[in-house]
Amino acid sequence: MQGSTISTEKAKGDLSTIRVVPNPYLAAESWEPRNTYSSGRGPREIHFINLPTDCTIRIFNVSGALVKKIEHSALAENGTEIWDVLSDEKFEISYGVYVYHVDAPGVGQKTGTFAIIK
């Protein structure tokens, strides 16, 4: 019996498929579950999809300040990381444009942008 294997060359090519969903993120997306909380809006989430098995996601504001660092480690079949849209200090982030950087050791890097709007 043989377990799953990961091709480094395929993984390098797959970095181009990394996406942020939804982009832009609206203050109230229709795909989010119905708010079952008695007050407030409920959970806010941004999904990073098609991630390599092991990588670090860093999110920066347009001034270059680090907002959030996420360590992603998952099975080869699960390339999704969910972010609660909170900074490392647990503050809600502002509306605007953000830059993400994905660093996958031995595989490569990917940089992209996403927006959070009202």
PDB file of N, CA and C in Angstrom:
ATOM      1  N   MET A   1       0.848  -1.166   0.000  1.00  0.00           N
ATOM      2  CA  MET A   1       0.000   0.000   0.000  1.00  0.00           C
ATOM      3  C   MET A   1       0.900   1.237   0.000  1.00  0.00           C
ATOM      4  N   GLN A   2       0.540   2.213  -0.827  1.00  0.00           N
ATOM      5  CA  GLN A   2       1.329   3.429  -0.927  1.00  0.00           C
ATOM      6  C   GLN A   2       0.455   4.633  -0.610  1.00  0.00           C
ATOM      7  N   GLY A   3       0.992   5.548   0.188  1.00  0.00           N
ATOM      8  CA  GLY A   3       0.256   6.759   0.541  1.00  0.00           C
ATOM      9  C   GLY A   3       0.346   7.802  -0.548  1.00  0.00           C
ATOM     10  N   SER A   4      -0.236   8.939  -0.284  1.00  0.00           N
ATOM     11  CA  SER A   4      -0.200  10.053  -1.228  1.00  0.00           C
ATOM     12  C   SER A   4       1.220  10.560  -1.400  1.00  0.00           C
ATOM     13  N   THR A   5       1.554  10.954  -2.612  1.00  0.00           N
ATOM     14  CA  THR A   5       2.848  11.570  -2.872  1.00  0.00           C
ATOM     15  C   THR A   5       2.614  12.962  -3.445  1.00  0.00           C
ATOM     16  N   ILE A   6       3.605  13.815  -3.254  1.00  0.00           N
ATOM     17  CA  ILE A   6       3.493  15.183  -3.734  1.00  0.00           C
ATOM     18  C   ILE A   6       4.634  15.457  -4.691  1.00  0.00           C
ATOM     19  N   SER A   7       4.328  15.894  -5.890  1.00  0.00           N
ATOM     20  CA  SER A   7       5.328  16.259  -6.880  1.00  0.00           C
ATOM     21  C   SER A   7       5.704  17.720  -6.674  1.00  0.00           C
ATOM     22  N   THR A   8       6.983  17.973  -6.377  1.00  0.00           N
ATOM     23  CA  THR A   8       7.436  19.342  -6.157  1.00  0.00           C
ATOM     24  C   THR A   8       7.250  20.190  -7.400  1.00  0.00           C
ATOM     25  N   GLU A   9       7.529  19.640  -8.574  1.00  0.00           N
ATOM     26  CA  GLU A   9       7.366  20.400  -9.818  1.00  0.00           C
ATOM     27  C   GLU A   9       5.904  20.769 -10.050  1.00  0.00           C
ATOM     28  N   LYS A  10       5.004  19.825  -9.797  1.00  0.00           N
ATOM     29  CA  LYS A  10       3.577  20.126  -9.946  1.00  0.00           C
ATOM     30  C   LYS A  10       3.160  21.184  -8.931  1.00  0.00           C
ATOM     31  N   ALA A  11       3.665  21.076  -7.705  1.00  0.00           N
ATOM     32  CA  ALA A  11       3.317  22.047  -6.665  1.00  0.00           C
ATOM     33  C   ALA A  11       3.765  23.451  -7.055  1.00  0.00           C
ATOM     34  N   LYS A  12       4.952  23.580  -7.657  1.00  0.00           N
ATOM     35  CA  LYS A  12       5.434  24.893  -8.097  1.00  0.00           C
ATOM     36  C   LYS A  12       4.492  25.493  -9.130  1.00  0.00           C
ATOM     37  N   GLY A  13       4.023  24.680 -10.057  1.00  0.00           N
ATOM     38  CA  GLY A  13       3.079  25.157 -11.065  1.00  0.00           C
ATOM     39  C   GLY A  13       1.732  25.507 -10.469  1.00  0.00           C
ATOM     40  N   ASP A  14       1.355  24.800  -9.415  1.00  0.00           N
ATOM     41  CA  ASP A  14       0.057  25.024  -8.789  1.00  0.00           C
ATOM     42  C   ASP A  14      -0.006  26.323  -7.991  1.00  0.00           C
ATOM     43  N   LEU A  15       1.135  26.940  -7.686  1.00  0.00           N
ATOM     44  CA  LEU A  15       1.118  28.199  -6.942  1.00  0.00           C
ATOM     45  C   LEU A  15       0.306  29.265  -7.669  1.00  0.00           C
ATOM     46  N   SER A  16       0.280  29.196  -8.984  1.00  0.00           N
ATOM     47  CA  SER A  16      -0.467  30.196  -9.759  1.00  0.00           C
ATOM     48  C   SER A  16      -1.977  30.055  -9.585  1.00  0.00           C
ATOM     49  N   THR A  17      -2.435  28.934  -9.019  1.00  0.00           N
ATOM     50  CA  THR A  17      -3.873  28.728  -8.832  1.00  0.00           C
ATOM     51  C   THR A  17      -4.367  29.204  -7.467  1.00  0.00           C
ATOM     52  N   ILE A  18      -3.469  29.675  -6.604  1.00  0.00           N
ATOM     53  CA  ILE A  18      -3.878  30.170  -5.284  1.00  0.00           C
ATOM     54  C   ILE A  18      -4.808  31.364  -5.477  1.00  0.00           C
ATOM     55  N   ARG A  19      -5.903  31.380  -4.738  1.00  0.00           N
ATOM     56  CA  ARG A  19      -6.892  32.453  -4.833  1.00  0.00           C
ATOM     57  C   ARG A  19      -7.385  32.839  -3.441  1.00  0.00           C
ATOM     58  N   VAL A  20      -7.916  34.066  -3.363  1.00  0.00           N
ATOM     59  CA  VAL A  20      -8.620  34.546  -2.175  1.00  0.00           C
ATOM     60  C   VAL A  20     -10.086  34.636  -2.559  1.00  0.00           C
ATOM     61  N   VAL A  21     -10.946  34.025  -1.753  1.00  0.00           N
ATOM     62  CA  VAL A  21     -12.376  33.973  -2.053  1.00  0.00           C
ATOM     63  C   VAL A  21     -13.154  34.413  -0.820  1.00  0.00           C
ATOM     64  N   PRO A  22     -14.057  35.360  -0.946  1.00  0.00           N
ATOM     65  CA  PRO A  22     -14.371  36.157  -2.123  1.00  0.00           C
ATOM     66  C   PRO A  22     -13.382  37.316  -2.266  1.00  0.00           C
ATOM     67  N   ASN A  23     -13.264  37.811  -3.447  1.00  0.00           N
ATOM     68  CA  ASN A  23     -12.407  38.961  -3.708  1.00  0.00           C
ATOM     69  C   ASN A  23     -13.066  39.822  -4.775  1.00  0.00           C
ATOM     70  N   PRO A  24     -13.620  40.972  -4.399  1.00  0.00           N
ATOM     71  CA  PRO A  24     -13.484  41.613  -3.094  1.00  0.00           C
ATOM     72  C   PRO A  24     -14.423  40.992  -2.060  1.00  0.00           C
ATOM     73  N   TYR A  25     -14.041  41.181  -0.806  1.00  0.00           N
ATOM     74  CA  TYR A  25     -14.868  40.731   0.301  1.00  0.00           C
ATOM     75  C   TYR A  25     -15.820  41.869   0.648  1.00  0.00           C
ATOM     76  N   LEU A  26     -17.111  41.602   0.583  1.00  0.00           N
ATOM     77  CA  LEU A  26     -18.119  42.604   0.932  1.00  0.00           C
ATOM     78  C   LEU A  26     -18.507  42.448   2.390  1.00  0.00           C
ATOM     79  N   ALA A  27     -18.952  43.520   2.998  1.00  0.00           N
ATOM     80  CA  ALA A  27     -19.298  43.506   4.419  1.00  0.00           C
ATOM     81  C   ALA A  27     -20.367  42.468   4.747  1.00  0.00           C
ATOM     82  N   ALA A  28     -21.215  42.110   3.805  1.00  0.00           N
ATOM     83  CA  ALA A  28     -22.244  41.094   4.028  1.00  0.00           C
ATOM     84  C   ALA A  28     -22.380  40.258   2.762  1.00  0.00           C
ATOM     85  N   GLU A  29     -21.627  39.196   2.657  1.00  0.00           N
ATOM     86  CA  GLU A  29     -21.666  38.325   1.481  1.00  0.00           C
ATOM     87  C   GLU A  29     -22.865  37.381   1.563  1.00  0.00           C
ATOM     88  N   SER A  30     -23.526  37.170   0.454  1.00  0.00           N
ATOM     89  CA  SER A  30     -24.712  36.315   0.438  1.00  0.00           C
ATOM     90  C   SER A  30     -24.380  34.850   0.679  1.00  0.00           C
ATOM     91  N   TRP A  31     -23.135  34.419   0.389  1.00  0.00           N
ATOM     92  CA  TRP A  31     -22.793  33.009   0.561  1.00  0.00           C
ATOM     93  C   TRP A  31     -22.490  32.650   2.009  1.00  0.00           C
ATOM     94  N   GLU A  32     -22.321  33.652   2.885  1.00  0.00           N
ATOM     95  CA  GLU A  32     -22.050  33.337   4.281  1.00  0.00           C
ATOM     96  C   GLU A  32     -23.301  32.741   4.919  1.00  0.00           C
ATOM     97  N   PRO A  33     -23.113  31.845   5.883  1.00  0.00           N
ATOM     98  CA  PRO A  33     -24.275  31.249   6.538  1.00  0.00           C
ATOM     99  C   PRO A  33     -25.159  32.322   7.181  1.00  0.00           C
ATOM    100  N   ARG A  34     -26.446  32.004   7.293  1.00  0.00           N
ATOM    101  CA  ARG A  34     -27.370  32.933   7.936  1.00  0.00           C
ATOM    102  C   ARG A  34     -26.886  33.225   9.343  1.00  0.00           C
ATOM    103  N   ASN A  35     -26.999  34.468   9.748  1.00  0.00           N
ATOM    104  CA  ASN A  35     -26.536  34.881  11.067  1.00  0.00           C
ATOM    105  C   ASN A  35     -27.462  34.308  12.132  1.00  0.00           C
ATOM    106  N   THR A  36     -26.944  33.395  12.937  1.00  0.00           N
ATOM    107  CA  THR A  36     -27.741  32.787  14.004  1.00  0.00           C
ATOM    108  C   THR A  36     -27.450  33.442  15.349  1.00  0.00           C
ATOM    109  N   TYR A  37     -26.655  34.494  15.340  1.00  0.00           N
ATOM    110  CA  TYR A  37     -26.318  35.193  16.578  1.00  0.00           C
ATOM    111  C   TYR A  37     -27.426  36.176  16.928  1.00  0.00           C
ATOM    112  N   SER A  38     -27.610  36.423  18.227  1.00  0.00           N
ATOM    113  CA  SER A  38     -28.670  37.330  18.646  1.00  0.00           C
ATOM    114  C   SER A  38     -28.328  38.784  18.342  1.00  0.00           C
ATOM    115  N   SER A  39     -27.053  39.080  18.190  1.00  0.00           N
ATOM    116  CA  SER A  39     -26.649  40.430  17.806  1.00  0.00           C
ATOM    117  C   SER A  39     -25.380  40.347  16.974  1.00  0.00           C
ATOM    118  N   GLY A  40     -25.107  41.385  16.235  1.00  0.00           N
ATOM    119  CA  GLY A  40     -23.907  41.385  15.414  1.00  0.00           C
ATOM    120  C   GLY A  40     -24.122  40.661  14.104  1.00  0.00           C
ATOM    121  N   ARG A  41     -23.092  40.601  13.344  1.00  0.00           N
ATOM    122  CA  ARG A  41     -23.202  40.063  11.993  1.00  0.00           C
ATOM    123  C   ARG A  41     -22.877  38.578  11.889  1.00  0.00           C
ATOM    124  N   GLY A  42     -22.198  38.036  12.869  1.00  0.00           N
ATOM    125  CA  GLY A  42     -21.800  36.636  12.783  1.00  0.00           C
ATOM    126  C   GLY A  42     -20.382  36.514  12.262  1.00  0.00           C
ATOM    127  N   PRO A  43     -19.964  35.312  11.940  1.00  0.00           N
ATOM    128  CA  PRO A  43     -18.566  35.113  11.532  1.00  0.00           C
ATOM    129  C   PRO A  43     -18.250  35.774  10.196  1.00  0.00           C
ATOM    130  N   ARG A  44     -17.062  36.345  10.118  1.00  0.00           N
ATOM    131  CA  ARG A  44     -16.550  36.910   8.868  1.00  0.00           C
ATOM    132  C   ARG A  44     -15.388  36.029   8.448  1.00  0.00           C
ATOM    133  N   GLU A  45     -15.357  35.636   7.193  1.00  0.00           N
ATOM    134  CA  GLU A  45     -14.320  34.709   6.735  1.00  0.00           C
ATOM    135  C   GLU A  45     -13.856  35.034   5.331  1.00  0.00           C
ATOM    136  N   ILE A  46     -12.555  34.892   5.134  1.00  0.00           N
ATOM    137  CA  ILE A  46     -11.959  34.908   3.808  1.00  0.00           C
ATOM    138  C   ILE A  46     -11.253  33.573   3.654  1.00  0.00           C
ATOM    139  N   HIS A  47     -11.402  32.947   2.491  1.00  0.00           N
ATOM    140  CA  HIS A  47     -10.796  31.647   2.237  1.00  0.00           C
ATOM    141  C   HIS A  47      -9.619  31.796   1.276  1.00  0.00           C
ATOM    142  N   PHE A  48      -8.485  31.245   1.663  1.00  0.00           N
ATOM    143  CA  PHE A  48      -7.348  31.099   0.757  1.00  0.00           C
ATOM    144  C   PHE A  48      -7.448  29.680   0.214  1.00  0.00           C
ATOM    145  N   ILE A  49      -7.562  29.534  -1.104  1.00  0.00           N
ATOM    146  CA  ILE A  49      -7.770  28.211  -1.688  1.00  0.00           C
ATOM    147  C   ILE A  49      -6.603  27.812  -2.584  1.00  0.00           C
ATOM    148  N   ASN A  50      -6.504  26.511  -2.831  1.00  0.00           N
ATOM    149  CA  ASN A  50      -5.462  25.910  -3.679  1.00  0.00           C
ATOM    150  C   ASN A  50      -4.060  26.103  -3.106  1.00  0.00           C
ATOM    151  N   LEU A  51      -3.960  26.071  -1.783  1.00  0.00           N
ATOM    152  CA  LEU A  51      -2.667  26.246  -1.116  1.00  0.00           C
ATOM    153  C   LEU A  51      -1.849  24.966  -1.157  1.00  0.00           C
ATOM    154  N   PRO A  52      -0.508  25.090  -1.139  1.00  0.00           N
ATOM    155  CA  PRO A  52       0.337  23.905  -0.983  1.00  0.00           C
ATOM    156  C   PRO A  52       0.133  23.306   0.408  1.00  0.00           C
ATOM    157  N   THR A  53       0.591  22.090   0.591  1.00  0.00           N
ATOM    158  CA  THR A  53       0.397  21.381   1.856  1.00  0.00           C
ATOM    159  C   THR A  53       0.920  22.161   3.053  1.00  0.00           C
ATOM    160  N   ASP A  54       2.134  22.668   2.959  1.00  0.00           N
ATOM    161  CA  ASP A  54       2.736  23.435   4.052  1.00  0.00           C
ATOM    162  C   ASP A  54       3.189  24.783   3.518  1.00  0.00           C
ATOM    163  N   CYS A  55       2.675  25.851   4.116  1.00  0.00           N
ATOM    164  CA  CYS A  55       3.076  27.189   3.681  1.00  0.00           C
ATOM    165  C   CYS A  55       2.752  28.204   4.772  1.00  0.00           C
ATOM    166  N   THR A  56       3.312  29.384   4.609  1.00  0.00           N
ATOM    167  CA  THR A  56       3.031  30.507   5.493  1.00  0.00           C
ATOM    168  C   THR A  56       2.377  31.600   4.662  1.00  0.00           C
ATOM    169  N   ILE A  57       1.250  32.107   5.164  1.00  0.00           N
ATOM    170  CA  ILE A  57       0.553  33.212   4.510  1.00  0.00           C
ATOM    171  C   ILE A  57       0.798  34.456   5.357  1.00  0.00           C
ATOM    172  N   ARG A  58       1.295  35.498   4.719  1.00  0.00           N
ATOM    173  CA  ARG A  58       1.468  36.780   5.398  1.00  0.00           C
ATOM    174  C   ARG A  58       0.583  37.802   4.687  1.00  0.00           C
ATOM    175  N   ILE A  59      -0.160  38.570   5.487  1.00  0.00           N
ATOM    176  CA  ILE A  59      -1.071  39.570   4.944  1.00  0.00           C
ATOM    177  C   ILE A  59      -0.585  40.942   5.400  1.00  0.00           C
ATOM    178  N   PHE A  60      -0.429  41.842   4.428  1.00  0.00           N
ATOM    179  CA  PHE A  60       0.084  43.184   4.689  1.00  0.00           C
ATOM    180  C   PHE A  60      -0.933  44.228   4.248  1.00  0.00           C
ATOM    181  N   ASN A  61      -0.951  45.376   4.940  1.00  0.00           N
ATOM    182  CA  ASN A  61      -1.749  46.489   4.431  1.00  0.00           C
ATOM    183  C   ASN A  61      -0.941  47.200   3.354  1.00  0.00           C
ATOM    184  N   VAL A  62      -1.526  48.203   2.698  1.00  0.00           N
ATOM    185  CA  VAL A  62      -0.831  48.854   1.585  1.00  0.00           C
ATOM    186  C   VAL A  62       0.372  49.666   2.038  1.00  0.00           C
ATOM    187  N   SER A  63       0.485  49.937   3.329  1.00  0.00           N
ATOM    188  CA  SER A  63       1.666  50.624   3.862  1.00  0.00           C
ATOM    189  C   SER A  63       2.815  49.659   4.109  1.00  0.00           C
ATOM    190  N   GLY A  64       2.549  48.366   3.971  1.00  0.00           N
ATOM    191  CA  GLY A  64       3.579  47.353   4.166  1.00  0.00           C
ATOM    192  C   GLY A  64       3.646  46.777   5.562  1.00  0.00           C
ATOM    193  N   ALA A  65       2.730  47.176   6.438  1.00  0.00           N
ATOM    194  CA  ALA A  65       2.710  46.644   7.804  1.00  0.00           C
ATOM    195  C   ALA A  65       2.082  45.250   7.809  1.00  0.00           C
ATOM    196  N   LEU A  66       2.712  44.328   8.533  1.00  0.00           N
ATOM    197  CA  LEU A  66       2.180  42.971   8.654  1.00  0.00           C
ATOM    198  C   LEU A  66       0.911  43.004   9.494  1.00  0.00           C
ATOM    199  N   VAL A  67      -0.174  42.492   8.937  1.00  0.00           N
ATOM    200  CA  VAL A  67      -1.468  42.466   9.608  1.00  0.00           C
ATOM    201  C   VAL A  67      -1.713  41.097  10.238  1.00  0.00           C
ATOM    202  N   LYS A  68      -1.364  40.038   9.505  1.00  0.00           N
ATOM    203  CA  LYS A  68      -1.658  38.681   9.969  1.00  0.00           C
ATOM    204  C   LYS A  68      -0.654  37.707   9.380  1.00  0.00           C
ATOM    205  N   LYS A  69      -0.245  36.745  10.198  1.00  0.00           N
ATOM    206  CA  LYS A  69       0.604  35.642   9.741  1.00  0.00           C
ATOM    207  C   LYS A  69      -0.143  34.353  10.045  1.00  0.00           C
ATOM    208  N   ILE A  70      -0.305  33.519   9.025  1.00  0.00           N
ATOM    209  CA  ILE A  70      -1.040  32.260   9.166  1.00  0.00           C
ATOM    210  C   ILE A  70      -0.134  31.120   8.729  1.00  0.00           C
ATOM    211  N   GLU A  71       0.034  30.128   9.590  1.00  0.00           N
ATOM    212  CA  GLU A  71       0.782  28.913   9.248  1.00  0.00           C
ATOM    213  C   GLU A  71      -0.221  27.879   8.757  1.00  0.00           C
ATOM    214  N   HIS A  72      -0.083  27.466   7.514  1.00  0.00           N
ATOM    215  CA  HIS A  72      -0.988  26.474   6.927  1.00  0.00           C
ATOM    216  C   HIS A  72      -0.264  25.138   6.838  1.00  0.00           C
ATOM    217  N   SER A  73      -0.854  24.124   7.412  1.00  0.00           N
ATOM    218  CA  SER A  73      -0.324  22.764   7.329  1.00  0.00           C
ATOM    219  C   SER A  73      -1.522  21.832   7.256  1.00  0.00           C
ATOM    220  N   ALA A  74      -1.651  21.140   6.141  1.00  0.00           N
ATOM    221  CA  ALA A  74      -2.840  20.316   5.941  1.00  0.00           C
ATOM    222  C   ALA A  74      -2.508  19.115   5.084  1.00  0.00           C
ATOM    223  N   LEU A  75      -3.448  18.227   4.986  1.00  0.00           N
ATOM    224  CA  LEU A  75      -3.315  17.084   4.099  1.00  0.00           C
ATOM    225  C   LEU A  75      -3.252  17.571   2.659  1.00  0.00           C
ATOM    226  N   ALA A  76      -2.658  16.773   1.796  1.00  0.00           N
ATOM    227  CA  ALA A  76      -2.517  17.150   0.382  1.00  0.00           C
ATOM    228  C   ALA A  76      -3.867  17.446  -0.262  1.00  0.00           C
ATOM    229  N   GLU A  77      -4.923  16.825   0.241  1.00  0.00           N
ATOM    230  CA  GLU A  77      -6.241  16.995  -0.357  1.00  0.00           C
ATOM    231  C   GLU A  77      -6.962  18.251   0.136  1.00  0.00           C
ATOM    232  N   ASN A  78      -6.415  18.938   1.164  1.00  0.00           N
ATOM    233  CA  ASN A  78      -7.098  20.100   1.723  1.00  0.00           C
ATOM    234  C   ASN A  78      -6.229  21.334   1.571  1.00  0.00           C
ATOM    235  N   GLY A  79      -6.421  22.093   0.506  1.00  0.00           N
ATOM    236  CA  GLY A  79      -5.612  23.270   0.244  1.00  0.00           C
ATOM    237  C   GLY A  79      -6.310  24.563   0.595  1.00  0.00           C
ATOM    238  N   THR A  80      -7.137  24.553   1.642  1.00  0.00           N
ATOM    239  CA  THR A  80      -7.891  25.746   2.021  1.00  0.00           C
ATOM    240  C   THR A  80      -7.537  26.176   3.437  1.00  0.00           C
ATOM    241  N   GLU A  81      -7.383  27.475   3.608  1.00  0.00           N
ATOM    242  CA  GLU A  81      -7.180  28.064   4.935  1.00  0.00           C
ATOM    243  C   GLU A  81      -8.220  29.159   5.098  1.00  0.00           C
ATOM    244  N   ILE A  82      -8.916  29.155   6.222  1.00  0.00           N
ATOM    245  CA  ILE A  82      -9.955  30.147   6.492  1.00  0.00           C
ATOM    246  C   ILE A  82      -9.398  31.185   7.459  1.00  0.00           C
ATOM    247  N   TRP A  83      -9.551  32.459   7.085  1.00  0.00           N
ATOM    248  CA  TRP A  83      -9.089  33.557   7.928  1.00  0.00           C
ATOM    249  C   TRP A  83     -10.301  34.304   8.460  1.00  0.00           C
ATOM    250  N   ASP A  84     -10.309  34.591   9.751  1.00  0.00           N
ATOM    251  CA  ASP A  84     -11.436  35.261  10.401  1.00  0.00           C
ATOM    252  C   ASP A  84     -11.433  36.784  10.233  1.00  0.00           C
ATOM    253  N   VAL A  85     -10.581  37.310   9.398  1.00  0.00           N
ATOM    254  CA  VAL A  85     -10.485  38.729   9.075  1.00  0.00           C
ATOM    255  C   VAL A  85     -10.114  39.563  10.307  1.00  0.00           C
ATOM    256  N   LEU A  86      -9.358  38.950  11.218  1.00  0.00           N
ATOM    257  CA  LEU A  86      -8.833  39.658  12.386  1.00  0.00           C
ATOM    258  C   LEU A  86      -7.317  39.722  12.278  1.00  0.00           C
ATOM    259  N   SER A  87      -6.743  40.785  12.814  1.00  0.00           N
ATOM    260  CA  SER A  87      -5.292  40.930  12.814  1.00  0.00           C
ATOM    261  C   SER A  87      -4.673  39.973  13.835  1.00  0.00           C
ATOM    262  N   ASP A  88      -3.349  39.906  13.858  1.00  0.00           N
ATOM    263  CA  ASP A  88      -2.671  39.083  14.864  1.00  0.00           C
ATOM    264  C   ASP A  88      -3.016  39.533  16.278  1.00  0.00           C
ATOM    265  N   GLU A  89      -3.370  40.811  16.432  1.00  0.00           N
ATOM    266  CA  GLU A  89      -3.744  41.356  17.744  1.00  0.00           C
ATOM    267  C   GLU A  89      -5.239  41.191  18.031  1.00  0.00           C
ATOM    268  N   LYS A  90      -5.946  40.482  17.151  1.00  0.00           N
ATOM    269  CA  LYS A  90      -7.387  40.202  17.278  1.00  0.00           C
ATOM    270  C   LYS A  90      -8.269  41.426  17.051  1.00  0.00           C
ATOM    271  N   PHE A  91      -7.761  42.421  16.300  1.00  0.00           N
ATOM    272  CA  PHE A  91      -8.570  43.576  15.923  1.00  0.00           C
ATOM    273  C   PHE A  91      -9.180  43.338  14.548  1.00  0.00           C
ATOM    274  N   GLU A  92     -10.404  43.892  14.335  1.00  0.00           N
ATOM    275  CA  GLU A  92     -10.991  43.842  12.997  1.00  0.00           C
ATOM    276  C   GLU A  92     -10.160  44.725  12.080  1.00  0.00           C
ATOM    277  N   ILE A  93      -9.929  44.261  10.871  1.00  0.00           N
ATOM    278  CA  ILE A  93      -9.121  45.052   9.949  1.00  0.00           C
ATOM    279  C   ILE A  93      -9.993  46.073   9.226  1.00  0.00           C
ATOM    280  N   SER A  94      -9.361  47.093   8.709  1.00  0.00           N
ATOM    281  CA  SER A  94     -10.059  48.177   8.011  1.00  0.00           C
ATOM    282  C   SER A  94     -10.411  47.775   6.590  1.00  0.00           C
ATOM    283  N   TYR A  95     -11.342  48.519   6.008  1.00  0.00           N
ATOM    284  CA  TYR A  95     -11.640  48.348   4.596  1.00  0.00           C
ATOM    285  C   TYR A  95     -10.447  48.827   3.793  1.00  0.00           C
ATOM    286  N   GLY A  96     -10.191  48.202   2.666  1.00  0.00           N
ATOM    287  CA  GLY A  96      -9.092  48.630   1.813  1.00  0.00           C
ATOM    288  C   GLY A  96      -8.502  47.478   1.034  1.00  0.00           C
ATOM    289  N   VAL A  97      -7.342  47.731   0.453  1.00  0.00           N
ATOM    290  CA  VAL A  97      -6.625  46.734  -0.338  1.00  0.00           C
ATOM    291  C   VAL A  97      -5.524  46.130   0.526  1.00  0.00           C
ATOM    292  N   TYR A  98      -5.357  44.824   0.418  1.00  0.00           N
ATOM    293  CA  TYR A  98      -4.338  44.092   1.171  1.00  0.00           C
ATOM    294  C   TYR A  98      -3.505  43.250   0.215  1.00  0.00           C
ATOM    295  N   VAL A  99      -2.269  43.017   0.611  1.00  0.00           N
ATOM    296  CA  VAL A  99      -1.344  42.191  -0.158  1.00  0.00           C
ATOM    297  C   VAL A  99      -1.116  40.912   0.633  1.00  0.00           C
ATOM    298  N   TYR A 100      -1.196  39.761  -0.045  1.00  0.00           N
ATOM    299  CA  TYR A 100      -0.862  38.502   0.626  1.00  0.00           C
ATOM    300  C   TYR A 100       0.377  37.906  -0.028  1.00  0.00           C
ATOM    301  N   HIS A 101       1.152  37.225   0.787  1.00  0.00           N
ATOM    302  CA  HIS A 101       2.371  36.557   0.319  1.00  0.00           C
ATOM    303  C   HIS A 101       2.337  35.136   0.864  1.00  0.00           C
ATOM    304  N   VAL A 102       2.376  34.165  -0.026  1.00  0.00           N
ATOM    305  CA  VAL A 102       2.399  32.752   0.361  1.00  0.00           C
ATOM    306  C   VAL A 102       3.807  32.237   0.123  1.00  0.00           C
ATOM    307  N   ASP A 103       4.417  31.686   1.171  1.00  0.00           N
ATOM    308  CA  ASP A 103       5.767  31.133   1.084  1.00  0.00           C
ATOM    309  C   ASP A 103       5.685  29.645   1.406  1.00  0.00           C
ATOM    310  N   ALA A 104       5.994  28.814   0.414  1.00  0.00           N
ATOM    311  CA  ALA A 104       5.977  27.359   0.577  1.00  0.00           C
ATOM    312  C   ALA A 104       7.415  26.857   0.451  1.00  0.00           C
ATOM    313  N   PRO A 105       8.065  26.516   1.565  1.00  0.00           N
ATOM    314  CA  PRO A 105       9.466  26.081   1.525  1.00  0.00           C
ATOM    315  C   PRO A 105       9.678  24.926   0.547  1.00  0.00           C
ATOM    316  N   GLY A 106      10.673  25.078  -0.311  1.00  0.00           N
ATOM    317  CA  GLY A 106      10.990  24.048  -1.288  1.00  0.00           C
ATOM    318  C   GLY A 106      10.094  24.048  -2.509  1.00  0.00           C
ATOM    319  N   VAL A 107       9.063  24.885  -2.490  1.00  0.00           N
ATOM    320  CA  VAL A 107       8.114  24.934  -3.609  1.00  0.00           C
ATOM    321  C   VAL A 107       8.181  26.285  -4.310  1.00  0.00           C
ATOM    322  N   GLY A 108       8.032  27.361  -3.554  1.00  0.00           N
ATOM    323  CA  GLY A 108       8.078  28.690  -4.150  1.00  0.00           C
ATOM    324  C   GLY A 108       7.249  29.691  -3.379  1.00  0.00           C
ATOM    325  N   GLN A 109       7.007  30.828  -4.019  1.00  0.00           N
ATOM    326  CA  GLN A 109       6.269  31.922  -3.404  1.00  0.00           C
ATOM    327  C   GLN A 109       5.226  32.468  -4.371  1.00  0.00           C
ATOM    328  N   LYS A 110       4.187  33.055  -3.796  1.00  0.00           N
ATOM    329  CA  LYS A 110       3.125  33.685  -4.598  1.00  0.00           C
ATOM    330  C   LYS A 110       2.681  34.940  -3.866  1.00  0.00           C
ATOM    331  N   THR A 111       2.521  36.025  -4.602  1.00  0.00           N
ATOM    332  CA  THR A 111       2.037  37.279  -4.044  1.00  0.00           C
ATOM    333  C   THR A 111       0.787  37.693  -4.806  1.00  0.00           C
ATOM    334  N   GLY A 112      -0.180  38.232  -4.081  1.00  0.00           N
ATOM    335  CA  GLY A 112      -1.408  38.695  -4.709  1.00  0.00           C
ATOM    336  C   GLY A 112      -2.066  39.769  -3.864  1.00  0.00           C
ATOM    337  N   THR A 113      -3.211  40.236  -4.310  1.00  0.00           N
ATOM    338  CA  THR A 113      -3.947  41.269  -3.580  1.00  0.00           C
ATOM    339  C   THR A 113      -5.410  40.871  -3.437  1.00  0.00           C
ATOM    340  N   PHE A 114      -6.050  41.467  -2.444  1.00  0.00           N
ATOM    341  CA  PHE A 114      -7.495  41.337  -2.291  1.00  0.00           C
ATOM    342  C   PHE A 114      -8.011  42.612  -1.646  1.00  0.00           C
ATOM    343  N   ALA A 115      -9.313  42.823  -1.745  1.00  0.00           N
ATOM    344  CA  ALA A 115      -9.922  44.039  -1.210  1.00  0.00           C
ATOM    345  C   ALA A 115     -11.040  43.692  -0.246  1.00  0.00           C
ATOM    346  N   ILE A 116     -11.207  44.559   0.749  1.00  0.00           N
ATOM    347  CA  ILE A 116     -12.326  44.470   1.680  1.00  0.00           C
ATOM    348  C   ILE A 116     -13.092  45.777   1.533  1.00  0.00           C
ATOM    349  N   ILE A 117     -14.368  45.669   1.140  1.00  0.00           N
ATOM    350  CA  ILE A 117     -15.172  46.864   0.878  1.00  0.00           C
ATOM    351  C   ILE A 117     -16.485  46.802   1.640  1.00  0.00           C
ATOM    352  N   LYS A 118     -17.110  47.979   1.789  1.00  0.00           N
ATOM    353  CA  LYS A 118     -18.422  48.058   2.450  1.00  0.00           C
ATOM    354  C   LYS A 118     -19.494  47.603   1.506  1.00  0.00           C
TER     355      LYS A 118
END
